[in-house]
C-alpha atoms as a PDB file:
ATOM      1  CA  MET A   1      73.081  95.296 119.120  1.00  0.00           C
ATOM      2  CA  LEU A   2      74.602  93.857 122.268  1.00  0.00           C
ATOM      3  CA  HIS A   3      73.313  93.873 125.821  1.00  0.00           C
ATOM      4  CA  GLU A   4      75.765  93.454 128.691  1.00  0.00           C
ATOM      5  CA  PHE A   5      74.729  92.269 132.142  1.00  0.00           C
ATOM      6  CA  THR A   6      77.327  92.334 134.916  1.00  0.00           C
ATOM      7  CA  ILE A   7      77.522  90.737 138.327  1.00  0.00           C
ATOM      8  CA  SER A   8      80.382  91.118 140.816  1.00  0.00           C
ATOM      9  CA  LEU A   9      81.495  87.992 142.644  1.00  0.00           C
ATOM     10  CA  VAL A  10      84.518  86.393 144.252  1.00  0.00           C
ATOM     11  CA  HIS A  11      86.879  84.900 141.684  1.00  0.00           C
ATOM     12  CA  ASN A  12      86.788  81.392 143.150  1.00  0.00           C
ATOM     13  CA  GLN A  13      83.015  81.301 142.492  1.00  0.00           C
ATOM     14  CA  VAL A  14      83.244  82.123 138.792  1.00  0.00           C
ATOM     15  CA  ASP A  15      83.433  78.581 137.397  1.00  0.00           C
ATOM     16  CA  GLU A  16      80.356  77.443 139.315  1.00  0.00           C
ATOM     17  CA  ILE A  17      78.366  80.545 138.304  1.00  0.00           C
ATOM     18  CA  MET A  18      79.355  80.234 134.637  1.00  0.00           C
ATOM     19  CA  GLU A  19      78.299  76.588 134.615  1.00  0.00           C
ATOM     20  CA  LYS A  20      74.860  77.521 135.971  1.00  0.00           C
ATOM     21  CA  LEU A  21      74.387  80.216 133.362  1.00  0.00           C
ATOM     22  CA  THR A  22      75.532  77.947 130.535  1.00  0.00           C
ATOM     23  CA  LEU A  23      72.982  75.316 131.556  1.00  0.00           C
ATOM     24  CA  HIS A  24      70.260  77.968 131.122  1.00  0.00           C
ATOM     25  CA  GLY A  25      71.434  79.015 127.660  1.00  0.00           C
ATOM     26  CA  TYR A  26      73.739  81.933 128.501  1.00  0.00           C
ATOM     27  CA  TYR A  27      76.923  81.189 126.576  1.00  0.00           C
ATOM     28  CA  ASN A  28      78.642  84.524 125.924  1.00  0.00           C
ATOM     29  CA  LEU A  29      80.366  84.962 129.272  1.00  0.00           C
ATOM     30  CA  TYR A  30      83.673  86.566 130.078  1.00  0.00           C
ATOM     31  CA  TYR A  31      85.667  88.205 132.839  1.00  0.00           C
ATOM     32  CA  GLU A  32      89.145  89.597 133.262  1.00  0.00           C
ATOM     33  CA  GLN A  33      91.253  87.208 135.275  1.00  0.00           C
ATOM     34  CA  PRO A  34      92.842  88.913 138.293  1.00  0.00           C
ATOM     35  CA  ILE A  35      96.473  88.097 137.577  1.00  0.00           C
ATOM     36  CA  GLU A  36      99.391  89.207 139.704  1.00  0.00           C
ATOM     37  CA  GLN A  37     102.743  89.424 137.938  1.00  0.00           C
ATOM     38  CA  PHE A  38     106.058  88.857 139.682  1.00  0.00           C
ATOM     39  CA  THR A  39     109.673  88.633 138.600  1.00  0.00           C
ATOM     40  CA  GLU A  40     111.553  85.365 138.722  1.00  0.00           C
ATOM     41  CA  GLU A  41     114.803  83.970 137.387  1.00  0.00           C
ATOM     42  CA  ASN A  42     113.266  83.102 134.011  1.00  0.00           C
ATOM     43  CA  GLY A  43     111.677  86.507 133.530  1.00  0.00           C
ATOM     44  CA  TYR A  44     108.130  86.890 134.810  1.00  0.00           C
ATOM     45  CA  GLY A  45     105.686  84.613 136.555  1.00  0.00           C
ATOM     46  CA  PHE A  46     101.966  84.945 137.107  1.00  0.00           C
ATOM     47  CA  HIS A  47      99.403  83.629 139.547  1.00  0.00           C
ATOM     48  CA  GLU A  48      95.660  84.074 139.883  1.00  0.00           C
ATOM     49  CA  ARG A  49      94.237  85.904 142.884  1.00  0.00           C
ATOM     50  CA  LEU A  50      91.350  83.626 143.843  1.00  0.00           C
ATOM     51  CA  ASN A  51      89.843  85.627 146.704  1.00  0.00           C
ATOM     52  CA  THR A  52      89.466  88.941 144.909  1.00  0.00           C
ATOM     53  CA  ASP A  53      86.281  90.279 143.306  1.00  0.00           C
ATOM     54  CA  VAL A  54      85.751  90.068 139.545  1.00  0.00           C
ATOM     55  CA  ASP A  55      83.034  91.356 137.209  1.00  0.00           C
ATOM     56  CA  LEU A  56      81.401  88.566 135.230  1.00  0.00           C
ATOM     57  CA  LYS A  57      79.937  89.851 131.950  1.00  0.00           C
ATOM     58  CA  ILE A  58      76.926  88.167 130.332  1.00  0.00           C
ATOM     59  CA  ILE A  59      76.462  89.245 126.717  1.00  0.00           C
ATOM     60  CA  LEU A  60      73.204  88.887 124.792  1.00  0.00           C
ATOM     61  CA  GLU A  61      73.128  89.736 121.092  1.00  0.00           C
ATOM     62  CA  GLU A  62      69.888  91.124 119.688  1.00  0.00           C
ATOM     63  CA  SER A  63      68.579  90.626 116.167  1.00  0.00           C
ATOM     64  CA  GLU A  64      65.221  90.951 114.449  1.00  0.00           C
ATOM     65  CA  GLU A  65      64.662  87.231 114.929  1.00  0.00           C
ATOM     66  CA  ARG A  66      65.835  87.246 118.550  1.00  0.00           C
ATOM     67  CA  PRO A  67      64.840  90.417 120.413  1.00  0.00           C
ATOM     68  CA  VAL A  68      66.207  90.941 123.929  1.00  0.00           C
ATOM     69  CA  HIS A  69      63.797  92.002 126.671  1.00  0.00           C
ATOM     70  CA  VAL A  70      66.201  93.620 129.104  1.00  0.00           C
ATOM     71  CA  GLU A  71      64.196  93.528 132.332  1.00  0.00           C
ATOM     72  CA  GLN A  72      63.031  89.979 131.668  1.00  0.00           C
ATOM     73  CA  ALA A  73      66.621  88.834 131.051  1.00  0.00           C
ATOM     74  CA  ARG A  74      67.804  90.664 134.141  1.00  0.00           C
ATOM     75  CA  ARG A  75      65.170  88.987 136.325  1.00  0.00           C
ATOM     76  CA  GLU A  76      65.975  85.582 134.865  1.00  0.00           C
ATOM     77  CA  ILE A  77      69.724  85.940 135.449  1.00  0.00           C
ATOM     78  CA  ALA A  78      69.077  87.061 139.034  1.00  0.00           C
ATOM     79  CA  SER A  79      66.794  84.071 139.569  1.00  0.00           C
ATOM     80  CA  ILE A  80      69.368  81.607 138.203  1.00  0.00           C
ATOM     81  CA  LEU A  81      72.055  83.029 140.487  1.00  0.00           C
ATOM     82  CA  LYS A  82      69.693  83.428 143.451  1.00  0.00           C
ATOM     83  CA  VAL A  83      70.497  87.112 143.953  1.00  0.00           C
ATOM     84  CA  GLY A  84      68.426  90.277 143.931  1.00  0.00           C
ATOM     85  CA  LYS A  85      67.766  91.954 140.579  1.00  0.00           C
ATOM     86  CA  GLU A  86      69.666  95.013 141.793  1.00  0.00           C
ATOM     87  CA  ALA A  87      72.885  92.916 141.824  1.00  0.00           C
ATOM     88  CA  ILE A  88      72.676  92.583 138.037  1.00  0.00           C
ATOM     89  CA  HIS A  89      73.950  95.739 136.332  1.00  0.00           C
ATOM     90  CA  TYR A  90      72.958  96.469 132.741  1.00  0.00           C
ATOM     91  CA  GLN A  91      74.665  98.338 129.903  1.00  0.00           C
ATOM     92  CA  PHE A  92      73.788  98.652 126.221  1.00  0.00           C
ATOM     93  CA  ILE A  93      76.904  98.472 124.062  1.00  0.00           C
ATOM     94  CA  THR A  94      77.478  98.922 120.366  1.00  0.00           C
ATOM     95  CA  THR A  95      79.328  96.387 118.266  1.00  0.00           C
ATOM     96  CA  GLN A  96      82.144  98.914 117.880  1.00  0.00           C
ATOM     97  CA  ASP A  97      82.509  99.163 121.659  1.00  0.00           C
ATOM     98  CA  TRP A  98      82.558  95.381 121.952  1.00  0.00           C
ATOM     99  CA  GLN A  99      85.263  94.833 119.347  1.00  0.00           C
ATOM    100  CA  GLN A 100      88.217  96.701 120.721  1.00  0.00           C
ATOM    101  CA  PRO A 101      90.316  97.777 117.728  1.00  0.00           C
ATOM    102  CA  PHE A 102      93.745  96.343 117.125  1.00  0.00           C
ATOM    103  CA  PRO A 103      96.032  99.334 116.511  1.00  0.00           C
ATOM    104  CA  ILE A 104      98.284  99.991 113.544  1.00  0.00           C
ATOM    105  CA  ILE A 105     101.827  99.488 114.841  1.00  0.00           C
ATOM    106  CA  ASP A 106     104.683 101.587 113.500  1.00  0.00           C
ATOM    107  CA  LEU A 107     107.897  99.567 113.724  1.00  0.00           C
ATOM    108  CA  GLN A 108     109.924 102.767 113.217  1.00  0.00           C
ATOM    109  CA  ASN A 109     111.769 101.303 110.237  1.00  0.00           C
ATOM    110  CA  GLY A 110     109.364 102.013 107.377  1.00  0.00           C
ATOM    111  CA  TRP A 111     107.253  98.943 108.180  1.00  0.00           C
ATOM    112  CA  TYR A 112     103.819  98.812 109.807  1.00  0.00           C
ATOM    113  CA  ILE A 113     101.649  96.053 111.242  1.00  0.00           C
ATOM    114  CA  LYS A 114      98.158  96.763 109.987  1.00  0.00           C
ATOM    115  CA  PRO A 115      94.964  94.981 111.144  1.00  0.00           C
ATOM    116  CA  ALA A 116      93.137  93.238 108.340  1.00  0.00           C
ATOM    117  CA  HIS A 117      89.940  95.267 108.804  1.00  0.00           C
ATOM    118  CA  SER A 118      91.659  98.671 108.698  1.00  0.00           C
ATOM    119  CA  GLU A 119      91.072 100.844 105.628  1.00  0.00           C
ATOM    120  CA  GLU A 120      93.625 103.459 106.652  1.00  0.00           C
ATOM    121  CA  ASP A 121      96.132 104.376 103.960  1.00  0.00           C
ATOM    122  CA  ILE A 122      99.670 103.643 105.168  1.00  0.00           C
ATOM    123  CA  GLN A 123     102.719 105.355 103.706  1.00  0.00           C
ATOM    124  CA  GLY A 124     105.158 102.537 104.137  1.00  0.00           C
ATOM    125  CA  ARG A 125     105.523  98.776 103.861  1.00  0.00           C
ATOM    126  CA  VAL A 126     102.792  96.770 105.538  1.00  0.00           C
ATOM    127  CA  ILE A 127     102.367  93.422 107.269  1.00  0.00           C
ATOM    128  CA  SER A 128      98.637  92.716 107.235  1.00  0.00           C
ATOM    129  CA  PHE A 129      97.591  90.913 110.383  1.00  0.00           C
ATOM    130  CA  GLU A 130      94.515  89.583 112.151  1.00  0.00           C
ATOM    131  CA  PRO A 131      94.621  89.827 115.979  1.00  0.00           C
ATOM    132  CA  PRO A 132      95.455  86.314 117.191  1.00  0.00           C
ATOM    133  CA  ARG A 133      94.104  83.840 119.688  1.00  0.00           C
ATOM    134  CA  ALA A 134      97.685  82.741 120.283  1.00  0.00           C
ATOM    135  CA  PHE A 135     100.607  84.716 121.668  1.00  0.00           C
ATOM    136  CA  GLY A 136     102.189  86.986 119.089  1.00  0.00           C
ATOM    137  CA  SER A 137      99.967  89.991 118.516  1.00  0.00           C
ATOM    138  CA  GLY A 138     102.889  92.229 117.662  1.00  0.00           C
ATOM    139  CA  LEU A 139     102.216  94.527 120.585  1.00  0.00           C
ATOM    140  CA  HIS A 140     104.929  93.060 122.798  1.00  0.00           C
ATOM    141  CA  GLY A 141     108.367  94.630 122.655  1.00  0.00           C
ATOM    142  CA  THR A 142     110.116  91.317 122.018  1.00  0.00           C
ATOM    143  CA  THR A 143     107.994  90.664 118.934  1.00  0.00           C
ATOM    144  CA  GLN A 144     108.620  94.143 117.585  1.00  0.00           C
ATOM    145  CA  ASP A 145     112.362  93.850 118.180  1.00  0.00           C
ATOM    146  CA  CYS A 146     112.442  90.508 116.363  1.00  0.00           C
ATOM    147  CA  LEU A 147     110.543  92.021 113.444  1.00  0.00           C
ATOM    148  CA  ARG A 148     113.017  94.883 113.190  1.00  0.00           C
ATOM    149  CA  PHE A 149     115.938  92.425 113.110  1.00  0.00           C
ATOM    150  CA  ILE A 150     114.292  90.279 110.423  1.00  0.00           C
ATOM    151  CA  LEU A 151     113.017  93.035 108.155  1.00  0.00           C
ATOM    152  CA  ARG A 152     116.424  94.649 107.729  1.00  0.00           C
ATOM    153  CA  GLU A 153     117.895  91.396 106.403  1.00  0.00           C
ATOM    154  CA  ASP A 154     118.049  89.996 102.886  1.00  0.00           C
ATOM    155  CA  LEU A 155     116.767  86.447 103.400  1.00  0.00           C
ATOM    156  CA  ARG A 156     116.381  85.567  99.728  1.00  0.00           C
ATOM    157  CA  GLY A 157     116.882  81.848  99.228  1.00  0.00           C
ATOM    158  CA  LYS A 158     117.118  81.178 102.972  1.00  0.00           C
ATOM    159  CA  LYS A 159     115.371  78.458 104.970  1.00  0.00           C
ATOM    160  CA  VAL A 160     113.946  79.662 108.305  1.00  0.00           C
ATOM    161  CA  LEU A 161     112.653  77.873 111.409  1.00  0.00           C
ATOM    162  CA  ASP A 162     110.285  79.842 113.659  1.00  0.00           C
ATOM    163  CA  LEU A 163     109.926  78.180 117.079  1.00  0.00           C
ATOM    164  CA  GLY A 164     106.985  79.361 119.175  1.00  0.00           C
ATOM    165  CA  ALA A 165     105.398  80.866 116.075  1.00  0.00           C
ATOM    166  CA  GLY A 166     102.125  82.017 117.655  1.00  0.00           C
ATOM    167  CA  ALA A 167     100.002  83.671 114.989  1.00  0.00           C
ATOM    168  CA  GLY A 168     102.917  83.770 112.556  1.00  0.00           C
ATOM    169  CA  LEU A 169     104.218  87.340 112.522  1.00  0.00           C
ATOM    170  CA  LEU A 170     107.894  86.378 112.484  1.00  0.00           C
ATOM    171  CA  SER A 171     107.312  83.714 109.843  1.00  0.00           C
ATOM    172  CA  ILE A 172     105.482  86.205 107.653  1.00  0.00           C
ATOM    173  CA  ALA A 173     108.193  88.839 108.140  1.00  0.00           C
ATOM    174  CA  SER A 174     110.809  86.270 107.113  1.00  0.00           C
ATOM    175  CA  ALA A 175     108.889  85.546 103.925  1.00  0.00           C
ATOM    176  CA  LEU A 176     108.528  89.269 103.198  1.00  0.00           C
ATOM    177  CA  ALA A 177     112.297  89.597 103.691  1.00  0.00           C
ATOM    178  CA  GLY A 178     112.714  86.988 100.948  1.00  0.00           C
ATOM    179  CA  ALA A 179     113.008  83.655 102.749  1.00  0.00           C
ATOM    180  CA  GLU A 180     112.282  80.778 100.396  1.00  0.00           C
ATOM    181  CA  GLN A 181     110.957  78.299 102.972  1.00  0.00           C
ATOM    182  CA  ILE A 182     109.722  78.860 106.528  1.00  0.00           C
ATOM    183  CA  VAL A 183     108.690  76.186 109.011  1.00  0.00           C
ATOM    184  CA  ALA A 184     106.531  77.586 111.819  1.00  0.00           C
ATOM    185  CA  VAL A 185     106.340  75.431 114.974  1.00  0.00           C
ATOM    186  CA  ASP A 186     104.171  75.907 118.052  1.00  0.00           C
ATOM    187  CA  ILE A 187     102.985  73.638 120.862  1.00  0.00           C
ATOM    188  CA  GLU A 188      99.445  74.911 120.173  1.00  0.00           C
ATOM    189  CA  ASP A 189      97.398  74.293 117.036  1.00  0.00           C
ATOM    190  CA  VAL A 190      97.980  77.619 115.280  1.00  0.00           C
ATOM    191  CA  GLU A 191      97.983  76.444 111.671  1.00  0.00           C
ATOM    192  CA  SER A 192      94.750  78.180 110.655  1.00  0.00           C
ATOM    193  CA  GLU A 193      95.873  81.504 112.174  1.00  0.00           C
ATOM    194  CA  VAL A 194      99.352  81.391 110.680  1.00  0.00           C
ATOM    195  CA  LEU A 195      98.182  80.460 107.186  1.00  0.00           C
ATOM    196  CA  TYR A 196      95.318  82.964 107.287  1.00  0.00           C
ATOM    197  CA  ASN A 197      97.709  85.783 108.195  1.00  0.00           C
ATOM    198  CA  ALA A 198     100.231  84.533 105.657  1.00  0.00           C
ATOM    199  CA  GLY A 199      97.480  84.621 103.025  1.00  0.00           C
ATOM    200  CA  LEU A 200      96.773  88.265 103.832  1.00  0.00           C
ATOM    201  CA  ASN A 201     100.370  88.924 102.756  1.00  0.00           C
ATOM    202  CA  ASN A 202     100.431  86.476  99.821  1.00  0.00           C
ATOM    203  CA  VAL A 203     103.223  84.356 101.336  1.00  0.00           C
ATOM    204  CA  GLU A 204     101.243  81.282 102.446  1.00  0.00           C
ATOM    205  CA  ASN A 205     102.936  79.074  99.845  1.00  0.00           C
ATOM    206  CA  ARG A 206     106.298  79.547 101.549  1.00  0.00           C
ATOM    207  CA  ILE A 207     105.171  78.731 105.103  1.00  0.00           C
ATOM    208  CA  SER A 208     104.382  75.314 106.561  1.00  0.00           C
ATOM    209  CA  VAL A 209     103.089  74.844 110.105  1.00  0.00           C
ATOM    210  CA  LYS A 210     103.819  72.031 112.555  1.00  0.00           C
ATOM    211  CA  GLN A 211     102.405  71.446 116.032  1.00  0.00           C
ATOM    212  CA  GLY A 212     104.531  69.966 118.801  1.00  0.00           C
ATOM    213  CA  ASP A 213     107.318  70.433 121.320  1.00  0.00           C
ATOM    214  CA  VAL A 214     110.670  69.940 119.620  1.00  0.00           C
ATOM    215  CA  LEU A 215     112.290  68.812 122.888  1.00  0.00           C
ATOM    216  CA  TYR A 216     109.727  66.384 124.283  1.00  0.00           C
ATOM    217  CA  SER A 217     107.124  65.384 121.683  1.00  0.00           C
ATOM    218  CA  GLY A 218     109.402  63.700 119.179  1.00  0.00           C
ATOM    219  CA  LEU A 219     108.561  66.254 116.501  1.00  0.00           C
ATOM    220  CA  GLU A 220     110.972  65.774 113.608  1.00  0.00           C
ATOM    221  CA  LEU A 221     112.131  68.543 111.297  1.00  0.00           C
ATOM    222  CA  ASP A 222     113.800  67.838 107.989  1.00  0.00           C
ATOM    223  CA  GLY A 223     117.087  69.400 106.999  1.00  0.00           C
ATOM    224  CA  LEU A 224     119.045  72.336 108.326  1.00  0.00           C
ATOM    225  CA  PHE A 225     118.034  75.978 108.572  1.00  0.00           C
ATOM    226  CA  ASP A 226     119.892  79.171 107.706  1.00  0.00           C
ATOM    227  CA  TRP A 227     118.024  81.123 110.374  1.00  0.00           C
ATOM    228  CA  ILE A 228     116.225  79.977 113.528  1.00  0.00           C
ATOM    229  CA  LEU A 229     113.903  82.348 115.401  1.00  0.00           C
ATOM    230  CA  VAL A 230     113.126  81.737 119.081  1.00  0.00           C
ATOM    231  CA  ASN A 231     110.966  84.198 121.030  1.00  0.00           C
ATOM    232  CA  ILE A 232     110.123  82.439 124.299  1.00  0.00           C
ATOM    233  CA  ALA A 233     112.059  82.754 127.604  1.00  0.00           C
ATOM    234  CA  ALA A 234     115.610  82.349 128.868  1.00  0.00           C
ATOM    235  CA  ASN A 235     115.307  78.895 130.481  1.00  0.00           C
ATOM    236  CA  GLU A 236     113.720  77.445 127.354  1.00  0.00           C
ATOM    237  CA  ILE A 237     116.372  79.091 125.177  1.00  0.00           C
ATOM    238  CA  LYS A 238     119.036  77.409 127.305  1.00  0.00           C
ATOM    239  CA  GLU A 239     117.297  74.038 127.081  1.00  0.00           C
ATOM    240  CA  LEU A 240     117.094  74.371 123.315  1.00  0.00           C
ATOM    241  CA  HIS A 241     120.764  75.049 122.670  1.00  0.00           C
ATOM    242  CA  ALA A 242     121.675  71.506 121.568  1.00  0.00           C
ATOM    243  CA  PHE A 243     118.599  71.245 119.350  1.00  0.00           C
ATOM    244  CA  LEU A 244     119.223  74.628 117.751  1.00  0.00           C
ATOM    245  CA  ASP A 245     122.877  73.864 117.139  1.00  0.00           C
ATOM    246  CA  SER A 246     122.013  70.549 115.468  1.00  0.00           C
ATOM    247  CA  HIS A 247     119.461  72.172 113.128  1.00  0.00           C
ATOM    248  CA  LEU A 248     121.459  75.245 112.064  1.00  0.00           C
ATOM    249  CA  VAL A 249     123.755  75.357 109.044  1.00  0.00           C
ATOM    250  CA  ALA A 250     127.405  76.254 109.559  1.00  0.00           C
ATOM    251  CA  GLY A 251     127.588  80.039 109.693  1.00  0.00           C
ATOM    252  CA  GLY A 252     123.824  80.271 110.285  1.00  0.00           C
ATOM    253  CA  LYS A 253     122.090  82.748 112.566  1.00  0.00           C
ATOM    254  CA  LEU A 254     119.963  82.450 115.709  1.00  0.00           C
ATOM    255  CA  LEU A 255     117.554  85.204 116.694  1.00  0.00           C
ATOM    256  CA  LEU A 256     116.898  84.781 120.426  1.00  0.00           C
ATOM    257  CA  SER A 257     114.322  86.858 122.286  1.00  0.00           C
ATOM    258  CA  GLY A 258     112.176  86.788 125.408  1.00  0.00           C
ATOM    259  CA  MET A 259     115.199  87.148 127.691  1.00  0.00           C
ATOM    260  CA  VAL A 260     115.347  89.869 130.340  1.00  0.00           C
ATOM    261  CA  GLU A 261     118.089  92.043 131.769  1.00  0.00           C
ATOM    262  CA  TRP A 262     118.721  89.755 134.738  1.00  0.00           C
ATOM    263  CA  ASN A 263     119.191  86.507 132.790  1.00  0.00           C
ATOM    264  CA  TYR A 264     120.312  87.250 129.233  1.00  0.00           C
ATOM    265  CA  GLU A 265     124.063  87.323 129.908  1.00  0.00           C
ATOM    266  CA  GLU A 266     124.047  83.834 131.415  1.00  0.00           C
ATOM    267  CA  THR A 267     121.876  82.599 128.547  1.00  0.00           C
ATOM    268  CA  LEU A 268     124.086  84.044 125.817  1.00  0.00           C
ATOM    269  CA  ALA A 269     127.219  82.787 127.574  1.00  0.00           C
ATOM    270  CA  LEU A 270     126.014  79.223 127.002  1.00  0.00           C
ATOM    271  CA  TYR A 271     125.882  79.835 123.240  1.00  0.00           C
ATOM    272  CA  ILE A 272     129.181  81.714 123.153  1.00  0.00           C
ATOM    273  CA  GLU A 273     130.812  78.658 124.756  1.00  0.00           C
ATOM    274  CA  GLU A 274     129.317  76.579 121.933  1.00  0.00           C
ATOM    275  CA  ASP A 275     131.110  78.616 119.236  1.00  0.00           C
ATOM    276  CA  TYR A 276     128.594  81.404 118.604  1.00  0.00           C
ATOM    277  CA  GLU A 277     129.258  85.124 118.504  1.00  0.00           C
ATOM    278  CA  VAL A 278     126.815  87.919 119.284  1.00  0.00           C
ATOM    279  CA  ASP A 279     126.253  89.827 116.057  1.00  0.00           C
ATOM    280  CA  GLN A 280     123.715  92.392 117.325  1.00  0.00           C
ATOM    281  CA  ILE A 281     121.769  92.983 120.502  1.00  0.00           C
ATOM    282  CA  SER A 282     118.714  95.097 121.347  1.00  0.00           C
ATOM    283  CA  HIS A 283     117.234  96.252 124.661  1.00  0.00           C
ATOM    284  CA  SER A 284     113.585  97.335 124.997  1.00  0.00           C
ATOM    285  CA  ASP A 285     112.862  98.224 128.602  1.00  0.00           C
ATOM    286  CA  GLU A 286     113.913  95.076 130.477  1.00  0.00           C
ATOM    287  CA  TRP A 287     113.572  92.794 127.435  1.00  0.00           C
ATOM    288  CA  VAL A 288     116.584  91.643 125.429  1.00  0.00           C
ATOM    289  CA  THR A 289     116.815  90.336 121.866  1.00  0.00           C
ATOM    290  CA  ALA A 290     120.074  89.053 120.387  1.00  0.00           C
ATOM    291  CA  LEU A 291     121.193  87.936 116.937  1.00  0.00           C
ATOM    292  CA  LEU A 292     123.889  85.271 117.141  1.00  0.00           C
ATOM    293  CA  LYS A 293     126.031  83.859 114.352  1.00  0.00           C
ATOM    294  CA  SER A 294     127.559  80.395 114.282  1.00  0.00           C
ATOM    295  CA  LYS A 295     131.322  80.470 113.871  1.00  0.00           C
ATOM    296  CA  LYS A 296     131.377  76.916 112.565  1.00  0.00           C
ATOM    297  CA  GLU A 297     132.533  76.436 108.997  1.00  0.00           C
END
């Protein structure tokens, strides 16, 4: 059983309040960051709105060994924060309410992304997946478009590089499409997530994970790749063009995603000038995904 206590406060006070609560043994704290999204040349930017109100949630979990006395906890939280008890709102929540379910995603091509805990019977081919800490849940249109491109290919015997791998969906899809070896790279430490999700699909032996920035950290990758997958943003895709070209086999393919309607043409033009041709292109709302083929022999 979970008990949720909520207090409203100005966003720029949250860090100080959370520190006070942590010092008194309240560790399960969360709030939704008030983020404002805006368009920019590279796609979308975000900034925090510091002077707006947010709801800070304080979660207490009850067990037989550790009962929760609601009114006592409410008074104590109010005392720590030096506010009246009436400022602390209480709600009892079930575990099911707390763990918002990750949905089954129909990719509209006979494939589904299915959360690991789901027992639903799916009539189709399935990628089993645990909701990630990193980017790459499968909910975003760019991820789904990339998956559709990959899963219609025969990648048997191919070597694939997945840049910005997140929780590993594109790497796993590549393995399910037959790829013999996949190298998943991310600037964050995502190895445990990628290999766990790969294990759910019995392809962990074909995926290796590396952490680093291929442009600035000196991360070295051995050999050339038949396919390279890049789902980030237009500026980064442009910066990567020399690296990608030097790590792709002659006649290899680049799957580029994360571009938007107002910057993809300029981005693809850079690759076309470097002897690539656009094989296929997909538009999902404002997002653009393109499959390019090297014309080098």
